[in-house]
């Protein structure tokens, strides 16, 4: 849920990047940071919040040209969360209060089980927290499309997108599809804040 700061006249929104370990969540956020840092973003910082083997990235910034909601600027807080199932507590903590999600799938055919496990763990966490996946803006990003053994788009859609959510193909290591994913999820979050559909 968005947090309104009346002093700074900002609406703070949380967008979470979820997905299997090593699927490209961190690469997405690092690319966004590199593209926006020092371009009117003020004191934006990227932080790596680590505990033993788990890694959660956090990046807070005020995107230019995103627009306003009732006279308030929109500030985005981007998080990546661990995909492994044994990090349930951390995942739940980060998901609480989120406004939108980019679920990053690994297109590598050998990673379909890891994708499925991470997606099921994500949906279980949503249910556990009482979050309605139909009401929270979500983008499905199919990453690593340049791999020679990448699953076809049709295969990925059949496996992971029976509800017909918006999908974006990406090669996050090259920045392909990264900003498009961010722009799409940001617009969906904005539409929801303004009372439109997610």
N, C-alpha and C. Protein backbone atom coordinates (compact mmCIF):
# COMPACT_ATOMS: atom_id res chain seq x y z
N UNK A 1 0.84 -1.18 0.00
CA UNK A 1 0.00 0.00 0.00
C UNK A 1 0.88 1.24 0.00
N UNK A 2 0.57 2.21 -0.82
CA UNK A 2 1.34 3.43 -0.96
C UNK A 2 1.35 4.22 0.34
N UNK A 3 2.49 4.90 0.55
CA UNK A 3 2.63 5.76 1.72
C UNK A 3 2.72 7.20 1.25
N UNK A 4 1.90 8.06 1.81
CA UNK A 4 1.86 9.47 1.41
C UNK A 4 2.66 10.30 2.41
N UNK A 5 3.64 11.07 1.89
CA UNK A 5 4.43 11.97 2.71
C UNK A 5 3.96 13.39 2.42
N UNK A 6 3.17 13.95 3.34
CA UNK A 6 2.59 15.28 3.13
C UNK A 6 3.65 16.37 3.17
N UNK A 7 4.75 16.12 3.87
CA UNK A 7 5.81 17.13 4.00
C UNK A 7 6.54 17.30 2.66
N UNK A 8 6.92 16.20 2.04
CA UNK A 8 7.65 16.27 0.76
C UNK A 8 6.72 16.26 -0.44
N UNK A 9 5.43 16.12 -0.18
CA UNK A 9 4.42 16.04 -1.26
C UNK A 9 4.74 14.90 -2.22
N UNK A 10 4.99 13.72 -1.63
CA UNK A 10 5.31 12.53 -2.41
C UNK A 10 4.43 11.36 -2.02
N UNK A 11 4.11 10.53 -3.01
CA UNK A 11 3.48 9.24 -2.78
C UNK A 11 4.56 8.20 -2.99
N UNK A 12 4.82 7.39 -1.97
CA UNK A 12 5.86 6.37 -2.05
C UNK A 12 5.24 5.03 -2.39
N UNK A 13 5.69 4.43 -3.49
CA UNK A 13 5.14 3.16 -3.95
C UNK A 13 6.21 2.08 -3.95
N UNK A 14 5.82 0.88 -3.56
CA UNK A 14 6.75 -0.25 -3.50
C UNK A 14 6.49 -1.18 -4.67
N UNK A 15 7.53 -1.38 -5.49
CA UNK A 15 7.48 -2.33 -6.60
C UNK A 15 8.50 -3.42 -6.31
N UNK A 16 8.04 -4.66 -6.34
CA UNK A 16 8.88 -5.81 -6.01
C UNK A 16 9.23 -6.60 -7.27
N UNK A 17 10.51 -6.93 -7.38
CA UNK A 17 10.99 -7.82 -8.44
C UNK A 17 11.16 -9.20 -7.81
N UNK A 18 10.35 -10.15 -8.26
CA UNK A 18 10.38 -11.51 -7.72
C UNK A 18 10.79 -12.48 -8.82
N UNK A 19 11.11 -13.71 -8.42
CA UNK A 19 11.48 -14.71 -9.41
C UNK A 19 12.49 -15.68 -8.84
N UNK A 20 12.91 -16.65 -9.64
CA UNK A 20 13.87 -17.64 -9.16
C UNK A 20 15.24 -17.02 -8.94
N UNK A 21 16.05 -17.65 -8.08
CA UNK A 21 17.41 -17.20 -7.87
C UNK A 21 18.18 -17.19 -9.18
N UNK A 22 18.98 -16.17 -9.39
CA UNK A 22 19.82 -16.02 -10.58
C UNK A 22 19.00 -15.85 -11.86
N UNK A 23 17.74 -15.44 -11.73
CA UNK A 23 16.89 -15.27 -12.91
C UNK A 23 17.01 -13.90 -13.57
N UNK A 24 17.56 -12.92 -12.84
CA UNK A 24 17.74 -11.60 -13.43
C UNK A 24 17.12 -10.45 -12.66
N UNK A 25 16.60 -10.70 -11.46
CA UNK A 25 15.98 -9.64 -10.67
C UNK A 25 16.99 -8.54 -10.33
N UNK A 26 18.13 -8.96 -9.80
CA UNK A 26 19.17 -8.01 -9.41
C UNK A 26 19.70 -7.27 -10.64
N UNK A 27 19.87 -7.97 -11.74
CA UNK A 27 20.36 -7.35 -12.97
C UNK A 27 19.41 -6.25 -13.43
N UNK A 28 18.11 -6.49 -13.33
CA UNK A 28 17.10 -5.47 -13.67
C UNK A 28 17.31 -4.21 -12.83
N UNK A 29 17.36 -4.38 -11.52
CA UNK A 29 17.44 -3.23 -10.62
C UNK A 29 18.76 -2.49 -10.80
N UNK A 30 19.85 -3.23 -10.98
CA UNK A 30 21.14 -2.58 -11.18
C UNK A 30 21.15 -1.76 -12.47
N UNK A 31 20.52 -2.29 -13.52
CA UNK A 31 20.47 -1.56 -14.79
C UNK A 31 19.64 -0.28 -14.62
N UNK A 32 18.51 -0.38 -13.93
CA UNK A 32 17.67 0.80 -13.70
C UNK A 32 18.45 1.85 -12.91
N UNK A 33 19.18 1.40 -11.91
CA UNK A 33 19.99 2.32 -11.11
C UNK A 33 21.02 3.04 -11.98
N UNK A 34 21.71 2.27 -12.81
CA UNK A 34 22.74 2.86 -13.69
C UNK A 34 22.12 3.86 -14.67
N UNK A 35 20.92 3.57 -15.15
CA UNK A 35 20.27 4.45 -16.12
C UNK A 35 19.70 5.72 -15.49
N UNK A 36 19.40 5.68 -14.20
CA UNK A 36 18.73 6.81 -13.57
C UNK A 36 19.60 7.56 -12.57
N UNK A 37 20.62 6.94 -12.04
CA UNK A 37 21.44 7.58 -11.00
C UNK A 37 22.13 8.82 -11.54
N UNK A 38 22.00 9.91 -10.81
CA UNK A 38 22.64 11.15 -11.21
C UNK A 38 21.88 11.92 -12.28
N UNK A 39 20.67 11.46 -12.61
CA UNK A 39 19.88 12.16 -13.63
C UNK A 39 18.64 12.75 -12.97
N UNK A 40 18.88 13.63 -12.02
CA UNK A 40 17.78 14.29 -11.32
C UNK A 40 17.18 13.42 -10.23
N UNK A 41 17.91 12.37 -9.82
CA UNK A 41 17.36 11.46 -8.83
C UNK A 41 17.76 11.83 -7.40
N UNK A 42 18.48 12.92 -7.23
CA UNK A 42 18.85 13.34 -5.88
C UNK A 42 19.81 12.37 -5.24
N UNK A 43 19.50 11.96 -4.03
CA UNK A 43 20.42 11.11 -3.28
C UNK A 43 20.04 9.63 -3.37
N UNK A 44 19.51 9.20 -4.49
CA UNK A 44 19.12 7.80 -4.66
C UNK A 44 20.31 6.88 -4.43
N UNK A 45 20.06 5.79 -3.75
CA UNK A 45 21.11 4.82 -3.48
C UNK A 45 20.56 3.42 -3.71
N UNK A 46 21.46 2.54 -4.11
CA UNK A 46 21.08 1.14 -4.21
C UNK A 46 21.72 0.44 -3.02
N UNK A 47 20.93 -0.35 -2.31
CA UNK A 47 21.44 -1.02 -1.12
C UNK A 47 21.25 -2.52 -1.25
N UNK A 48 22.24 -3.25 -0.79
CA UNK A 48 22.17 -4.70 -0.77
C UNK A 48 21.96 -5.11 0.67
N UNK A 49 20.77 -5.59 0.98
CA UNK A 49 20.44 -6.02 2.33
C UNK A 49 20.60 -7.53 2.38
N UNK A 50 21.72 -7.98 2.97
CA UNK A 50 22.03 -9.41 2.94
C UNK A 50 22.00 -10.02 4.33
N UNK A 51 21.62 -11.27 4.37
CA UNK A 51 21.68 -12.06 5.59
C UNK A 51 22.10 -13.47 5.19
N UNK A 52 23.31 -13.85 5.57
CA UNK A 52 23.90 -15.13 5.20
C UNK A 52 23.84 -15.33 3.70
N UNK A 53 23.11 -16.34 3.22
CA UNK A 53 23.11 -16.64 1.78
C UNK A 53 22.03 -15.91 1.01
N UNK A 54 21.19 -15.14 1.67
CA UNK A 54 20.10 -14.50 0.95
C UNK A 54 20.45 -13.06 0.63
N UNK A 55 19.85 -12.57 -0.43
CA UNK A 55 20.17 -11.24 -0.90
C UNK A 55 18.89 -10.52 -1.27
N UNK A 56 18.71 -9.33 -0.72
CA UNK A 56 17.58 -8.49 -1.08
C UNK A 56 18.13 -7.13 -1.48
N UNK A 57 17.80 -6.68 -2.66
CA UNK A 57 18.26 -5.38 -3.13
C UNK A 57 17.15 -4.36 -2.91
N UNK A 58 17.56 -3.14 -2.59
CA UNK A 58 16.59 -2.06 -2.41
C UNK A 58 17.11 -0.83 -3.15
N UNK A 59 16.24 -0.18 -3.90
CA UNK A 59 16.61 1.03 -4.64
C UNK A 59 15.44 1.98 -4.59
N UNK A 60 15.70 3.19 -4.13
CA UNK A 60 14.66 4.20 -3.94
C UNK A 60 14.96 5.36 -4.89
N UNK A 61 14.00 5.73 -5.73
CA UNK A 61 14.25 6.87 -6.61
C UNK A 61 12.96 7.56 -7.03
N UNK A 62 13.14 8.76 -7.52
CA UNK A 62 12.02 9.59 -7.97
C UNK A 62 12.13 9.69 -9.49
N UNK A 63 11.38 8.88 -10.22
CA UNK A 63 11.52 8.89 -11.67
C UNK A 63 11.00 10.16 -12.30
N UNK A 64 11.74 10.63 -13.30
CA UNK A 64 11.32 11.82 -14.02
C UNK A 64 10.21 11.46 -15.00
N UNK A 65 9.23 12.31 -15.12
CA UNK A 65 8.20 12.12 -16.13
C UNK A 65 7.17 11.06 -15.80
N UNK A 66 7.18 10.54 -14.57
CA UNK A 66 6.19 9.52 -14.22
C UNK A 66 4.82 10.16 -13.98
N UNK A 67 4.84 11.41 -13.57
CA UNK A 67 3.57 12.10 -13.35
C UNK A 67 3.27 12.29 -11.89
N UNK A 68 2.11 12.85 -11.64
CA UNK A 68 1.69 13.14 -10.28
C UNK A 68 0.32 12.54 -10.02
N UNK A 69 0.04 12.36 -8.74
CA UNK A 69 -1.28 11.91 -8.30
C UNK A 69 -1.81 12.94 -7.33
N UNK A 70 -2.84 13.66 -7.75
CA UNK A 70 -3.45 14.71 -6.92
C UNK A 70 -2.42 15.71 -6.38
N UNK A 71 -1.49 16.12 -7.25
CA UNK A 71 -0.49 17.11 -6.87
C UNK A 71 0.73 16.56 -6.15
N UNK A 72 0.78 15.25 -5.96
CA UNK A 72 1.92 14.62 -5.30
C UNK A 72 2.80 13.91 -6.32
N UNK A 73 4.12 14.05 -6.18
CA UNK A 73 5.06 13.32 -7.02
C UNK A 73 5.08 11.86 -6.57
N UNK A 74 5.40 10.98 -7.51
CA UNK A 74 5.43 9.55 -7.18
C UNK A 74 6.88 9.10 -7.06
N UNK A 75 7.23 8.57 -5.89
CA UNK A 75 8.57 8.02 -5.66
C UNK A 75 8.46 6.51 -5.63
N UNK A 76 9.34 5.85 -6.37
CA UNK A 76 9.33 4.39 -6.42
C UNK A 76 10.39 3.80 -5.50
N UNK A 77 10.02 2.74 -4.82
CA UNK A 77 10.95 1.95 -4.02
C UNK A 77 10.97 0.57 -4.68
N UNK A 78 12.11 0.21 -5.26
CA UNK A 78 12.24 -1.08 -5.95
C UNK A 78 12.95 -2.07 -5.04
N UNK A 79 12.40 -3.26 -4.94
CA UNK A 79 12.99 -4.33 -4.15
C UNK A 79 13.15 -5.57 -5.02
N UNK A 80 14.22 -6.31 -4.79
CA UNK A 80 14.29 -7.67 -5.34
C UNK A 80 14.25 -8.60 -4.14
N UNK A 81 13.61 -9.73 -4.31
CA UNK A 81 13.49 -10.66 -3.18
C UNK A 81 14.05 -12.01 -3.56
N UNK A 82 14.55 -12.75 -2.57
CA UNK A 82 15.10 -14.07 -2.85
C UNK A 82 14.02 -15.00 -3.37
N UNK A 83 14.37 -15.82 -4.36
CA UNK A 83 13.40 -16.72 -4.96
C UNK A 83 13.30 -18.06 -4.27
N UNK A 84 14.35 -18.44 -3.53
CA UNK A 84 14.36 -19.77 -2.94
C UNK A 84 13.27 -19.91 -1.88
N UNK A 85 12.69 -21.09 -1.85
CA UNK A 85 11.52 -21.34 -1.00
C UNK A 85 11.83 -21.21 0.49
N UNK A 86 13.12 -21.43 0.88
CA UNK A 86 13.44 -21.40 2.31
C UNK A 86 13.62 -19.98 2.83
N UNK A 87 13.34 -18.97 2.00
CA UNK A 87 13.40 -17.59 2.46
C UNK A 87 12.01 -17.00 2.62
N UNK A 88 11.05 -17.81 3.05
CA UNK A 88 9.67 -17.37 3.18
C UNK A 88 9.51 -16.12 4.04
N UNK A 89 10.21 -16.06 5.17
CA UNK A 89 10.04 -14.93 6.09
C UNK A 89 10.48 -13.63 5.45
N UNK A 90 11.62 -13.66 4.77
CA UNK A 90 12.10 -12.44 4.09
C UNK A 90 11.16 -12.04 2.97
N UNK A 91 10.70 -13.03 2.21
CA UNK A 91 9.80 -12.74 1.09
C UNK A 91 8.52 -12.09 1.61
N UNK A 92 7.96 -12.65 2.66
CA UNK A 92 6.72 -12.10 3.22
C UNK A 92 6.92 -10.66 3.69
N UNK A 93 8.06 -10.41 4.31
CA UNK A 93 8.34 -9.06 4.82
C UNK A 93 8.39 -8.05 3.67
N UNK A 94 9.07 -8.40 2.59
CA UNK A 94 9.21 -7.47 1.46
C UNK A 94 7.89 -7.31 0.71
N UNK A 95 7.12 -8.39 0.58
CA UNK A 95 5.85 -8.31 -0.16
C UNK A 95 4.79 -7.49 0.56
N UNK A 96 4.88 -7.44 1.87
CA UNK A 96 3.87 -6.71 2.65
C UNK A 96 3.82 -5.25 2.21
N UNK A 97 2.66 -4.78 1.81
CA UNK A 97 2.50 -3.39 1.42
C UNK A 97 2.95 -3.05 0.02
N UNK A 98 3.18 -4.06 -0.82
CA UNK A 98 3.65 -3.75 -2.17
C UNK A 98 2.51 -3.21 -3.03
N UNK A 99 2.90 -2.39 -4.02
CA UNK A 99 1.93 -1.79 -4.93
C UNK A 99 1.96 -2.43 -6.31
N UNK A 100 3.03 -3.14 -6.63
CA UNK A 100 3.15 -3.78 -7.93
C UNK A 100 4.30 -4.77 -7.93
N UNK A 101 4.27 -5.69 -8.89
CA UNK A 101 5.33 -6.71 -8.95
C UNK A 101 5.72 -6.98 -10.40
N UNK A 102 7.02 -7.17 -10.59
CA UNK A 102 7.57 -7.66 -11.85
C UNK A 102 8.11 -9.04 -11.52
N UNK A 103 7.47 -10.08 -12.07
CA UNK A 103 7.97 -11.43 -11.82
C UNK A 103 8.90 -11.79 -12.97
N UNK A 104 10.17 -12.03 -12.65
CA UNK A 104 11.21 -12.29 -13.65
C UNK A 104 11.44 -13.79 -13.79
N UNK A 105 11.09 -14.32 -14.95
CA UNK A 105 11.29 -15.75 -15.24
C UNK A 105 12.59 -15.94 -16.01
N UNK A 106 13.27 -17.04 -15.76
CA UNK A 106 14.47 -17.43 -16.49
C UNK A 106 14.03 -18.27 -17.68
N UNK A 107 14.33 -17.82 -18.90
CA UNK A 107 13.89 -18.53 -20.11
C UNK A 107 14.64 -19.83 -20.37
N UNK A 108 15.74 -20.06 -19.67
CA UNK A 108 16.52 -21.28 -19.82
C UNK A 108 15.63 -22.51 -19.59
N UNK A 109 15.56 -23.40 -20.57
CA UNK A 109 14.71 -24.60 -20.44
C UNK A 109 15.05 -25.42 -19.20
N UNK A 110 16.32 -25.42 -18.82
CA UNK A 110 16.75 -26.19 -17.65
C UNK A 110 16.30 -25.56 -16.34
N UNK A 111 15.72 -24.37 -16.40
CA UNK A 111 15.31 -23.66 -15.18
C UNK A 111 13.80 -23.60 -15.00
N UNK A 112 13.06 -24.39 -15.78
CA UNK A 112 11.60 -24.35 -15.67
C UNK A 112 11.11 -24.79 -14.29
N UNK A 113 11.77 -25.80 -13.71
CA UNK A 113 11.38 -26.25 -12.36
C UNK A 113 11.64 -25.15 -11.33
N UNK A 114 12.77 -24.45 -11.47
CA UNK A 114 13.10 -23.35 -10.54
C UNK A 114 12.08 -22.22 -10.70
N UNK A 115 11.70 -21.93 -11.95
CA UNK A 115 10.67 -20.91 -12.20
C UNK A 115 9.36 -21.28 -11.52
N UNK A 116 8.96 -22.52 -11.73
CA UNK A 116 7.69 -23.00 -11.17
C UNK A 116 7.71 -22.95 -9.65
N UNK A 117 8.81 -23.41 -9.05
CA UNK A 117 8.92 -23.40 -7.59
C UNK A 117 8.85 -21.98 -7.05
N UNK A 118 9.57 -21.05 -7.69
CA UNK A 118 9.56 -19.66 -7.24
C UNK A 118 8.18 -19.01 -7.42
N UNK A 119 7.52 -19.32 -8.53
CA UNK A 119 6.21 -18.74 -8.80
C UNK A 119 5.17 -19.27 -7.81
N UNK A 120 5.23 -20.57 -7.52
CA UNK A 120 4.31 -21.16 -6.54
C UNK A 120 4.56 -20.59 -5.14
N UNK A 121 5.84 -20.42 -4.78
CA UNK A 121 6.18 -19.84 -3.48
C UNK A 121 5.68 -18.40 -3.39
N UNK A 122 5.79 -17.67 -4.49
CA UNK A 122 5.32 -16.29 -4.53
C UNK A 122 3.80 -16.24 -4.35
N UNK A 123 3.08 -17.10 -5.08
CA UNK A 123 1.62 -17.12 -4.97
C UNK A 123 1.18 -17.55 -3.57
N UNK A 124 1.91 -18.49 -2.98
CA UNK A 124 1.59 -18.92 -1.60
C UNK A 124 1.78 -17.78 -0.62
N UNK A 125 2.86 -17.02 -0.81
CA UNK A 125 3.12 -15.87 0.06
C UNK A 125 2.02 -14.82 -0.09
N UNK A 126 1.59 -14.59 -1.33
CA UNK A 126 0.49 -13.63 -1.56
C UNK A 126 -0.76 -14.07 -0.81
N UNK A 127 -1.09 -15.35 -0.91
CA UNK A 127 -2.28 -15.87 -0.24
C UNK A 127 -2.12 -15.77 1.28
N UNK A 128 -0.94 -16.10 1.77
CA UNK A 128 -0.67 -16.06 3.21
C UNK A 128 -0.84 -14.65 3.75
N UNK A 129 -0.47 -13.65 2.94
CA UNK A 129 -0.56 -12.25 3.36
C UNK A 129 -1.92 -11.62 3.06
N UNK A 130 -2.82 -12.41 2.45
CA UNK A 130 -4.14 -11.90 2.12
C UNK A 130 -4.13 -10.94 0.95
N UNK A 131 -3.14 -11.06 0.06
CA UNK A 131 -3.04 -10.18 -1.11
C UNK A 131 -3.75 -10.83 -2.29
N UNK A 132 -4.52 -10.05 -2.99
CA UNK A 132 -5.28 -10.55 -4.13
C UNK A 132 -4.48 -10.29 -5.41
N UNK A 133 -3.98 -11.36 -6.03
CA UNK A 133 -3.13 -11.20 -7.22
C UNK A 133 -3.88 -10.58 -8.39
N UNK A 134 -5.20 -10.66 -8.37
CA UNK A 134 -5.99 -10.05 -9.45
C UNK A 134 -6.05 -8.53 -9.30
N UNK A 135 -5.81 -8.02 -8.09
CA UNK A 135 -5.93 -6.58 -7.85
C UNK A 135 -4.58 -5.87 -7.79
N UNK A 136 -3.50 -6.61 -7.65
CA UNK A 136 -2.18 -5.99 -7.58
C UNK A 136 -1.55 -5.99 -8.97
N UNK A 137 -1.14 -4.82 -9.46
CA UNK A 137 -0.51 -4.76 -10.78
C UNK A 137 0.68 -5.71 -10.89
N UNK A 138 0.72 -6.47 -11.99
CA UNK A 138 1.80 -7.44 -12.17
C UNK A 138 2.21 -7.53 -13.63
N UNK A 139 3.51 -7.58 -13.84
CA UNK A 139 4.10 -7.80 -15.17
C UNK A 139 4.87 -9.12 -15.09
N UNK A 140 4.78 -9.94 -16.11
CA UNK A 140 5.61 -11.13 -16.20
C UNK A 140 6.72 -10.83 -17.20
N UNK A 141 7.96 -10.87 -16.73
CA UNK A 141 9.10 -10.62 -17.61
C UNK A 141 9.81 -11.94 -17.90
N UNK A 142 9.88 -12.28 -19.19
CA UNK A 142 10.61 -13.49 -19.60
C UNK A 142 12.02 -13.07 -19.97
N UNK A 143 12.96 -13.33 -19.07
CA UNK A 143 14.33 -12.88 -19.21
C UNK A 143 15.20 -13.93 -19.91
N UNK A 144 16.38 -13.50 -20.32
CA UNK A 144 17.39 -14.36 -20.97
C UNK A 144 16.88 -14.94 -22.29
N UNK A 145 16.21 -14.10 -23.06
CA UNK A 145 15.66 -14.55 -24.34
C UNK A 145 16.74 -14.84 -25.37
N UNK A 146 17.98 -14.44 -25.09
CA UNK A 146 19.08 -14.66 -26.02
C UNK A 146 19.73 -16.03 -25.88
N UNK A 147 19.33 -16.82 -24.90
CA UNK A 147 19.95 -18.13 -24.69
C UNK A 147 19.59 -19.09 -25.83
N UNK A 148 20.55 -19.92 -26.25
CA UNK A 148 20.25 -20.85 -27.34
C UNK A 148 19.21 -21.90 -26.97
N UNK A 149 19.10 -22.20 -25.66
CA UNK A 149 18.11 -23.19 -25.22
C UNK A 149 16.91 -22.54 -24.54
N UNK A 150 16.62 -21.30 -24.91
CA UNK A 150 15.47 -20.59 -24.31
C UNK A 150 14.16 -21.26 -24.72
N UNK A 151 13.27 -21.39 -23.75
CA UNK A 151 11.92 -21.90 -24.05
C UNK A 151 11.22 -20.90 -24.97
N UNK A 152 10.30 -21.39 -25.77
CA UNK A 152 9.56 -20.49 -26.66
C UNK A 152 8.60 -19.64 -25.83
N UNK A 153 8.20 -18.54 -26.42
CA UNK A 153 7.24 -17.67 -25.75
C UNK A 153 5.93 -18.41 -25.50
N UNK A 154 5.51 -19.23 -26.44
CA UNK A 154 4.29 -20.00 -26.29
C UNK A 154 4.39 -20.96 -25.10
N UNK A 155 5.53 -21.63 -24.97
CA UNK A 155 5.73 -22.55 -23.84
C UNK A 155 5.66 -21.81 -22.51
N UNK A 156 6.32 -20.66 -22.44
CA UNK A 156 6.32 -19.88 -21.20
C UNK A 156 4.92 -19.38 -20.86
N UNK A 157 4.21 -18.93 -21.88
CA UNK A 157 2.84 -18.45 -21.66
C UNK A 157 1.93 -19.56 -21.17
N UNK A 158 2.05 -20.75 -21.76
CA UNK A 158 1.21 -21.88 -21.34
C UNK A 158 1.51 -22.30 -19.90
N UNK A 159 2.79 -22.25 -19.53
CA UNK A 159 3.19 -22.66 -18.19
C UNK A 159 2.83 -21.65 -17.11
N UNK A 160 3.06 -20.35 -17.41
CA UNK A 160 3.02 -19.36 -16.34
C UNK A 160 1.98 -18.25 -16.48
N UNK A 161 1.28 -18.20 -17.60
CA UNK A 161 0.38 -17.06 -17.78
C UNK A 161 -1.03 -17.45 -18.24
N UNK A 162 -1.68 -18.36 -17.54
CA UNK A 162 -3.05 -18.71 -17.94
C UNK A 162 -4.03 -17.55 -17.77
N UNK A 163 -3.69 -16.58 -16.91
CA UNK A 163 -4.59 -15.43 -16.67
C UNK A 163 -4.41 -14.33 -17.70
N UNK A 164 -3.41 -14.44 -18.57
CA UNK A 164 -3.22 -13.44 -19.62
C UNK A 164 -2.68 -12.11 -19.13
N UNK A 165 -1.79 -12.13 -18.14
CA UNK A 165 -1.18 -10.89 -17.65
C UNK A 165 -0.22 -10.34 -18.70
N UNK A 166 0.10 -9.06 -18.58
CA UNK A 166 1.04 -8.42 -19.52
C UNK A 166 2.40 -9.08 -19.40
N UNK A 167 3.02 -9.39 -20.55
CA UNK A 167 4.34 -10.00 -20.55
C UNK A 167 5.31 -9.16 -21.37
N UNK A 168 6.57 -9.21 -20.96
CA UNK A 168 7.63 -8.50 -21.67
C UNK A 168 8.82 -9.44 -21.80
N UNK A 169 9.36 -9.55 -23.01
CA UNK A 169 10.57 -10.34 -23.23
C UNK A 169 11.78 -9.46 -22.92
N UNK A 170 12.81 -10.06 -22.32
CA UNK A 170 13.95 -9.26 -21.88
C UNK A 170 15.27 -10.02 -22.01
N UNK A 171 16.32 -9.23 -22.10
CA UNK A 171 17.69 -9.70 -21.92
C UNK A 171 18.29 -8.68 -20.95
N UNK A 172 18.04 -8.88 -19.68
CA UNK A 172 18.38 -7.88 -18.67
C UNK A 172 19.86 -7.54 -18.65
N UNK A 173 20.72 -8.51 -18.96
CA UNK A 173 22.16 -8.26 -18.95
C UNK A 173 22.57 -7.23 -20.01
N UNK A 174 21.72 -7.05 -21.02
CA UNK A 174 21.96 -6.06 -22.07
C UNK A 174 21.01 -4.86 -21.94
N UNK A 175 20.16 -4.88 -20.93
CA UNK A 175 19.20 -3.79 -20.73
C UNK A 175 17.95 -3.91 -21.58
N UNK A 176 17.84 -4.97 -22.36
CA UNK A 176 16.68 -5.14 -23.24
C UNK A 176 15.44 -5.49 -22.41
N UNK A 177 14.40 -4.70 -22.56
CA UNK A 177 13.14 -4.96 -21.86
C UNK A 177 13.09 -4.50 -20.41
N UNK A 178 14.22 -4.01 -19.89
CA UNK A 178 14.28 -3.62 -18.47
C UNK A 178 13.48 -2.35 -18.21
N UNK A 179 13.78 -1.30 -18.97
CA UNK A 179 13.07 -0.04 -18.75
C UNK A 179 11.62 -0.15 -19.19
N UNK A 180 11.36 -0.96 -20.21
CA UNK A 180 9.99 -1.19 -20.66
C UNK A 180 9.17 -1.84 -19.54
N UNK A 181 9.78 -2.81 -18.84
CA UNK A 181 9.10 -3.46 -17.71
C UNK A 181 8.81 -2.46 -16.60
N UNK A 182 9.80 -1.62 -16.30
CA UNK A 182 9.64 -0.61 -15.25
C UNK A 182 8.54 0.39 -15.62
N UNK A 183 8.57 0.86 -16.87
CA UNK A 183 7.57 1.82 -17.31
C UNK A 183 6.17 1.23 -17.27
N UNK A 184 6.05 -0.03 -17.67
CA UNK A 184 4.73 -0.69 -17.68
C UNK A 184 4.19 -0.86 -16.27
N UNK A 185 5.02 -1.36 -15.37
CA UNK A 185 4.52 -1.59 -14.00
C UNK A 185 4.25 -0.25 -13.32
N UNK A 186 5.08 0.77 -13.59
CA UNK A 186 4.86 2.09 -13.01
C UNK A 186 3.53 2.67 -13.46
N UNK A 187 3.22 2.53 -14.75
CA UNK A 187 1.96 3.05 -15.28
C UNK A 187 0.77 2.32 -14.66
N UNK A 188 0.91 1.01 -14.49
CA UNK A 188 -0.17 0.23 -13.88
C UNK A 188 -0.40 0.65 -12.43
N UNK A 189 0.70 0.87 -11.69
CA UNK A 189 0.59 1.32 -10.29
C UNK A 189 -0.06 2.69 -10.25
N UNK A 190 0.36 3.58 -11.14
CA UNK A 190 -0.20 4.93 -11.21
C UNK A 190 -1.70 4.88 -11.51
N UNK A 191 -2.08 4.04 -12.48
CA UNK A 191 -3.50 3.91 -12.82
C UNK A 191 -4.31 3.44 -11.63
N UNK A 192 -3.74 2.50 -10.86
CA UNK A 192 -4.42 2.00 -9.66
C UNK A 192 -4.56 3.10 -8.63
N UNK A 193 -3.51 3.89 -8.44
CA UNK A 193 -3.57 5.00 -7.47
C UNK A 193 -4.63 6.02 -7.86
N UNK A 194 -4.78 6.20 -9.16
CA UNK A 194 -5.77 7.19 -9.64
C UNK A 194 -7.17 6.62 -9.68
N UNK A 195 -7.30 5.36 -9.27
CA UNK A 195 -8.63 4.76 -9.21
C UNK A 195 -9.00 4.01 -10.46
N UNK A 196 -8.02 3.77 -11.35
CA UNK A 196 -8.30 3.01 -12.58
C UNK A 196 -8.07 1.54 -12.34
N UNK A 197 -7.98 0.79 -13.44
CA UNK A 197 -7.76 -0.65 -13.35
C UNK A 197 -6.28 -0.93 -13.28
N UNK A 198 -5.90 -2.06 -12.64
CA UNK A 198 -4.49 -2.41 -12.52
C UNK A 198 -4.01 -3.06 -13.78
